[in-house]
Protein backbone atom coordinates (compact mmCIF):
# COMPACT_ATOMS: atom_id res chain seq x y z
CA MET A 1 2.64 -33.74 -27.47
CA LYS A 2 -0.09 -34.43 -30.02
CA LYS A 3 -1.92 -36.65 -27.51
CA ILE A 4 -1.80 -33.86 -24.89
CA SER A 5 -3.17 -31.34 -27.40
CA LEU A 6 -6.02 -33.67 -28.37
CA LEU A 7 -6.83 -34.29 -24.71
CA LEU A 8 -6.85 -30.55 -24.04
CA LEU A 9 -9.25 -29.94 -26.93
CA PHE A 10 -11.50 -32.73 -25.67
CA VAL A 11 -11.64 -31.22 -22.18
CA ILE A 12 -12.34 -27.75 -23.58
CA GLY A 13 -15.10 -29.24 -25.70
CA LEU A 14 -16.70 -30.84 -22.65
CA PHE A 15 -16.80 -27.50 -20.87
CA ALA A 16 -18.09 -25.70 -23.96
CA ASN A 17 -20.96 -28.17 -24.33
CA ALA A 18 -21.70 -28.49 -20.62
CA GLN A 19 -25.33 -28.04 -19.76
CA VAL A 20 -26.33 -25.23 -17.44
CA THR A 21 -28.57 -26.24 -14.55
CA SER A 22 -31.12 -23.83 -13.18
CA ASN A 23 -33.19 -23.77 -10.03
CA ARG A 24 -36.47 -22.46 -11.45
CA PHE A 25 -38.86 -20.61 -9.15
CA ILE A 26 -42.32 -19.87 -10.53
CA TYR A 27 -44.26 -16.94 -9.12
CA GLN A 28 -47.84 -15.85 -9.56
CA LEU A 29 -47.76 -12.12 -10.22
CA THR A 30 -50.95 -10.18 -9.54
CA ILE A 31 -51.03 -6.77 -11.25
CA LYS A 32 -53.25 -3.72 -11.19
CA PRO A 33 -52.40 -2.48 -14.72
CA LYS A 34 -54.54 0.68 -14.67
CA LYS A 35 -54.22 3.23 -11.87
CA ASP A 36 -57.87 4.34 -12.13
CA SER A 37 -59.31 0.80 -12.24
CA THR A 38 -59.95 -1.95 -9.71
CA ARG A 39 -59.32 -4.68 -12.30
CA MET A 40 -56.51 -7.08 -11.43
CA GLU A 41 -54.61 -9.43 -13.75
CA LYS A 42 -52.60 -12.54 -13.00
CA VAL A 43 -49.56 -13.82 -14.84
CA MET A 44 -46.89 -16.40 -14.13
CA ALA A 45 -43.35 -15.07 -13.83
CA VAL A 46 -40.18 -17.11 -13.49
CA LEU A 47 -36.88 -16.64 -11.70
CA ASP A 48 -34.14 -18.98 -12.96
CA ILE A 49 -31.12 -19.16 -10.68
CA THR A 50 -27.81 -20.66 -11.85
CA ASP A 51 -24.45 -20.61 -10.08
CA LYS A 52 -23.42 -17.43 -11.92
CA LYS A 53 -26.58 -15.35 -12.20
CA SER A 54 -30.35 -15.23 -12.12
CA LEU A 55 -32.85 -14.36 -14.86
CA TYR A 56 -36.34 -13.00 -14.22
CA GLN A 57 -38.95 -12.88 -17.00
CA ASP A 58 -42.55 -13.59 -17.99
CA TYR A 59 -43.18 -17.35 -18.00
CA THR A 60 -45.92 -17.29 -20.67
CA LEU A 61 -43.79 -17.88 -23.78
CA ILE A 62 -41.41 -20.28 -22.04
CA ALA A 63 -44.35 -22.47 -20.99
CA GLN A 64 -45.47 -22.67 -24.64
CA ASP A 65 -42.04 -23.48 -26.10
CA SER A 66 -42.88 -27.10 -26.95
CA ILE A 67 -46.12 -26.08 -28.73
CA LEU A 68 -44.34 -23.33 -30.66
CA LYS A 69 -41.56 -25.69 -31.69
CA ILE A 70 -44.03 -28.19 -33.19
CA LYS A 71 -45.89 -25.48 -35.11
CA ILE A 72 -42.76 -23.79 -36.39
CA GLU A 73 -41.08 -27.05 -37.44
CA ASP A 74 -44.26 -28.00 -39.30
CA MET A 75 -44.21 -24.63 -41.05
CA LYS A 76 -40.60 -25.24 -42.11
CA LYS A 77 -41.50 -28.63 -43.61
CA THR A 78 -44.51 -27.36 -45.55
CA LYS A 79 -42.69 -24.15 -46.50
CA GLN A 80 -46.00 -22.42 -45.96
CA PHE A 81 -46.11 -19.38 -43.70
CA LYS A 82 -48.88 -19.50 -41.10
CA ASP A 83 -49.92 -16.76 -38.73
CA PHE A 84 -50.59 -18.61 -35.48
CA SER A 85 -50.05 -15.57 -33.24
CA LYS A 86 -53.70 -15.69 -32.17
CA GLU A 87 -53.24 -19.28 -30.94
CA ILE A 88 -50.39 -18.33 -28.64
CA ALA A 89 -50.93 -16.53 -25.34
CA MET A 90 -48.89 -13.33 -25.26
CA PRO A 91 -46.86 -12.22 -22.23
CA LYS A 92 -48.04 -9.50 -19.87
CA PHE A 93 -44.58 -7.94 -19.71
CA SER A 94 -41.65 -8.08 -22.12
CA TYR A 95 -38.65 -6.98 -20.07
CA LYS A 96 -36.01 -9.27 -18.59
CA ILE A 97 -33.79 -8.75 -15.56
CA THR A 98 -30.52 -10.55 -14.93
CA LYS A 99 -28.57 -10.33 -11.69
CA ASP A 100 -24.87 -11.24 -11.83
CA TYR A 101 -23.54 -13.13 -8.81
CA PRO A 102 -22.07 -12.37 -6.37
CA ASP A 103 -22.24 -8.55 -6.66
CA MET A 104 -25.91 -8.60 -7.82
CA THR A 105 -25.38 -6.03 -10.55
CA GLU A 106 -28.60 -6.02 -12.55
CA THR A 107 -29.24 -5.68 -16.27
CA TYR A 108 -32.74 -4.62 -17.29
CA SER A 109 -33.47 -5.19 -20.98
CA GLU A 110 -36.28 -4.80 -23.52
CA THR A 111 -36.24 -6.08 -27.11
CA ILE A 112 -37.03 -3.37 -29.66
CA MET A 113 -36.81 -3.16 -33.44
CA ASN A 114 -33.94 -1.18 -34.96
CA GLY A 115 -34.89 -1.21 -38.62
CA MET A 116 -35.37 -4.84 -39.65
CA SER A 117 -33.20 -6.16 -36.80
CA PRO A 118 -34.10 -6.54 -33.13
CA ILE A 119 -31.78 -5.26 -30.41
CA GLN A 120 -31.82 -5.70 -26.64
CA LEU A 121 -31.92 -2.18 -25.25
CA ALA A 122 -30.55 -2.35 -21.71
CA TYR A 123 -29.32 -0.45 -18.69
CA LYS A 124 -27.33 -1.48 -15.62
CA ASP A 125 -28.83 -1.06 -12.17
CA ASN A 126 -27.58 -1.65 -8.66
CA PRO A 127 -30.43 -0.79 -6.28
CA LYS A 128 -29.66 -0.79 -2.57
CA PHE A 129 -32.51 -2.16 -0.48
CA ASP A 130 -32.67 -0.96 3.11
CA TRP A 131 -34.47 -4.01 4.49
CA LYS A 132 -36.04 -3.88 7.95
CA ILE A 133 -36.45 -7.48 9.19
CA SER A 134 -39.20 -8.03 11.76
CA ASN A 135 -39.91 -10.95 14.08
CA GLU A 136 -43.25 -11.63 12.35
CA LYS A 137 -43.43 -15.09 10.80
CA GLN A 138 -45.96 -16.70 8.49
CA LYS A 139 -46.50 -19.99 6.70
CA ILE A 140 -47.01 -19.35 2.98
CA GLY A 141 -47.84 -22.53 1.13
CA GLU A 142 -45.17 -25.03 2.17
CA TYR A 143 -42.67 -22.34 3.15
CA ASN A 144 -41.83 -20.97 6.61
CA THR A 145 -41.27 -17.26 6.11
CA GLN A 146 -40.27 -14.12 7.98
CA LYS A 147 -41.36 -10.56 7.20
CA ALA A 148 -39.19 -7.69 5.99
CA THR A 149 -40.06 -4.23 4.70
CA THR A 150 -38.38 -1.69 2.43
CA SER A 151 -39.10 1.31 0.22
CA PHE A 152 -38.28 1.16 -3.48
CA GLY A 153 -39.45 2.90 -6.65
CA GLY A 154 -41.80 5.25 -4.78
CA ARG A 155 -43.66 2.38 -3.08
CA ASN A 156 -43.50 0.69 0.33
CA TRP A 157 -43.00 -3.08 0.14
CA ASN A 158 -43.77 -5.98 2.45
CA ALA A 159 -41.75 -9.12 1.80
CA TRP A 160 -41.70 -12.63 3.26
CA PHE A 161 -38.48 -14.59 2.84
CA SER A 162 -37.59 -18.17 3.72
CA ASN A 163 -34.38 -19.25 5.43
CA ASP A 164 -35.20 -22.76 4.18
CA ILE A 165 -34.10 -21.58 0.71
CA PRO A 166 -30.68 -19.93 1.29
CA LEU A 167 -30.69 -17.82 -1.88
CA GLN A 168 -30.51 -14.05 -1.47
CA ASP A 169 -32.66 -13.34 -4.51
CA GLY A 170 -36.26 -12.70 -5.49
CA PRO A 171 -38.58 -11.63 -8.31
CA TYR A 172 -38.07 -8.43 -10.32
CA LYS A 173 -35.11 -6.43 -8.94
CA PHE A 174 -35.62 -7.47 -5.32
CA HIS A 175 -32.77 -9.21 -3.49
CA GLY A 176 -30.56 -9.01 -0.41
CA LEU A 177 -32.53 -10.90 2.26
CA PRO A 178 -31.05 -13.97 4.04
CA GLY A 179 -33.30 -16.32 2.09
CA LEU A 180 -35.34 -16.44 -1.11
CA ILE A 181 -38.27 -13.99 -1.27
CA VAL A 182 -41.41 -16.15 -1.24
CA LYS A 183 -43.90 -13.29 -1.37
CA ILE A 184 -43.62 -9.54 -1.87
CA GLU A 185 -46.23 -6.85 -2.47
CA ASP A 186 -46.49 -3.10 -2.22
CA ALA A 187 -48.60 -1.58 0.55
CA ASP A 188 -51.41 -0.65 -1.87
CA LYS A 189 -51.34 -4.10 -3.53
CA ASN A 190 -50.70 -2.81 -7.06
CA TYR A 191 -48.13 -5.58 -7.49
CA SER A 192 -47.87 -8.87 -5.64
CA TRP A 193 -45.62 -11.87 -6.28
CA GLU A 194 -46.11 -15.23 -4.57
CA LEU A 195 -43.99 -18.33 -5.07
CA LYS A 196 -46.13 -21.20 -6.40
CA GLY A 197 -43.57 -23.84 -7.27
CA ASN A 198 -39.99 -24.71 -8.11
CA LYS A 199 -38.11 -27.32 -10.09
CA LYS A 200 -34.67 -28.09 -11.44
CA VAL A 201 -34.04 -27.44 -15.14
CA ASN A 202 -31.04 -29.49 -16.29
CA ASP A 203 -30.71 -27.98 -19.77
CA PHE A 204 -31.48 -24.35 -18.99
CA GLN A 205 -31.78 -22.05 -22.01
CA GLU A 206 -31.81 -18.29 -21.44
CA VAL A 207 -33.54 -17.70 -24.77
CA SER A 208 -36.95 -19.20 -25.57
CA TYR A 209 -37.65 -21.03 -28.83
CA ALA A 210 -39.94 -18.20 -29.93
CA GLU A 211 -37.12 -15.68 -29.53
CA LYS A 212 -34.66 -17.86 -31.44
CA PHE A 213 -37.11 -18.23 -34.31
CA ARG A 214 -37.83 -14.51 -34.55
CA PRO A 215 -36.20 -12.88 -37.62
CA GLY A 216 -32.85 -11.57 -36.45
CA GLY A 217 -32.95 -13.73 -33.33
CA ILE A 218 -32.60 -12.00 -29.99
CA GLY A 219 -30.40 -9.25 -31.40
CA SER A 220 -27.31 -7.67 -29.87
CA LEU A 221 -27.22 -6.10 -26.41
CA VAL A 222 -27.07 -2.29 -26.54
CA GLU A 223 -26.34 -0.87 -23.11
CA VAL A 224 -27.23 2.77 -22.41
CA SER A 225 -27.78 4.96 -19.36
CA ARG A 226 -31.09 4.70 -17.50
CA GLU A 227 -32.03 8.19 -18.68
CA LYS A 228 -31.38 7.33 -22.33
CA PHE A 229 -33.18 3.99 -21.94
CA ASP A 230 -36.32 5.67 -20.60
CA LYS A 231 -36.28 8.26 -23.40
CA THR A 232 -35.56 5.77 -26.22
CA PHE A 233 -38.05 3.18 -25.04
CA GLY A 234 -40.69 5.84 -24.41
CA GLU A 235 -40.39 7.02 -28.02
CA TYR A 236 -40.37 3.44 -29.32
CA LYS A 237 -43.67 2.60 -27.59
CA LYS A 238 -45.40 5.46 -29.42
CA ASP A 239 -44.50 4.04 -32.86
CA PRO A 240 -42.85 0.57 -32.58
CA PHE A 241 -42.58 -0.05 -36.34
CA ALA A 242 -41.32 3.40 -37.39
CA SER A 243 -37.80 2.17 -38.17
CA VAL A 244 -39.17 -0.97 -39.93
CA ARG A 245 -41.39 1.03 -42.30
CA GLN A 246 -38.42 3.23 -43.25
CA GLN A 247 -36.52 0.21 -44.59
CA ILE A 248 -39.31 -1.43 -46.59
CA PRO A 249 -39.68 -0.20 -50.21
CA ALA A 250 -43.11 1.27 -50.97
CA ASN A 251 -43.76 -1.31 -53.73
CA MET A 252 -43.34 -4.16 -51.23
CA MET A 253 -46.02 -2.89 -48.84
CA GLY A 254 -48.80 -3.99 -51.20
CA GLN A 255 -47.41 -7.47 -51.88
CA LYS A 256 -49.25 -10.50 -50.49
CA ILE A 257 -47.48 -12.62 -47.88
CA PRO A 258 -47.24 -16.30 -48.99
CA GLY A 259 -49.73 -18.42 -47.09
CA MET A 260 -51.68 -15.42 -45.81
CA ASP A 261 -54.48 -13.26 -47.08
CA LYS A 262 -52.61 -10.14 -46.02
CA THR A 263 -50.17 -7.73 -47.61
CA VAL A 264 -46.85 -6.80 -46.04
CA GLY A 265 -48.30 -3.41 -45.17
CA GLU A 266 -51.36 -4.94 -43.50
CA MET A 267 -49.19 -7.34 -41.52
CA ILE A 268 -47.00 -4.48 -40.27
CA LYS A 269 -50.10 -2.45 -39.38
CA ASP A 270 -51.52 -5.36 -37.37
CA GLN A 271 -48.24 -5.97 -35.55
CA ASP A 272 -47.87 -2.25 -34.85
CA LYS A 273 -51.36 -2.10 -33.32
CA MET A 274 -50.71 -5.23 -31.26
CA LEU A 275 -47.55 -3.71 -29.74
CA LYS A 276 -49.19 -0.34 -29.07
CA ASP A 277 -52.12 -2.06 -27.33
CA PHE A 278 -49.62 -4.16 -25.35
CA TYR A 279 -47.63 -1.15 -24.15
CA ASN A 280 -50.72 0.98 -23.48
CA SER A 281 -52.38 -1.75 -21.40
CA ASN A 282 -50.35 -0.73 -18.33
CA ASP A 283 -50.06 2.82 -17.02
CA ASN A 284 -49.16 1.74 -13.49
CA PRO A 285 -45.44 0.80 -13.51
CA ILE A 286 -43.70 -1.00 -10.66
CA GLU A 287 -41.30 1.92 -10.26
CA LEU A 288 -43.07 5.27 -10.32
CA PRO A 289 -41.49 7.53 -12.99
CA SER A 290 -40.37 10.33 -10.69
CA THR A 291 -38.46 7.87 -8.51
CA SER A 292 -36.78 5.65 -11.16
CA THR A 293 -33.09 6.05 -10.44
CA THR A 294 -29.95 4.00 -10.93
CA THR A 295 -27.00 3.70 -8.60
CA LYS A 296 -23.98 4.59 -10.68
């Protein structure tokens, strides 16, 4: 009996420590961040697909994980705080979208500060895409693709999917075609994704090293309605560090941070400005505000 119990624990341990493998698809996302400007920006986004779900996010921090790890481990050894935020490229967008297989229920999340602790503010979504598949075909990079169109978020979209990759997924919230979406853009070309590469990741981690190192980690998931999400996140963007300032004693704000020529108050002010600039850099969302709805 004891041998059976030990064997059972061993098998459970194997499953608990099993590595998750991801098929990683890297897209180049071209954005028009300002409605009244012709300026376009490019960023790499990533769609990781496992057997249970997919995860879409900005690729910027993930691509710098090894650099961040070296710098942070060095900081731990020296016990000297260093502000290397200016050395690290910041993402263009901070949200994440997971799609649970096979029903494709989506979770859209943003990390916000709730006092001194981060939380993942999230809402569930289940958009229904009325795809119209045409006979038009096109070679995009190495992929043979076919065209499909749909309307979503107040925009008309043109997509090219590939039957060569039998995964009914795509960047952002898009899914439901009989092959992976290789390219998709709205009719006015405010947003355009194009697949640039793919690889297998044998030890897939949903959370980047930078997020793990952040004080409080990734924080707990707090799921709310879409309406409450939009209201809460809208208020947060106006004053991201409001709840942080409320929890820091006034006498601490003037204290110097070890290893830096800044006070706690100055550091918070800098971080607050950085986040406000980040959120204000885009007034042209993928989903137009008047059309942002969730299927209950």
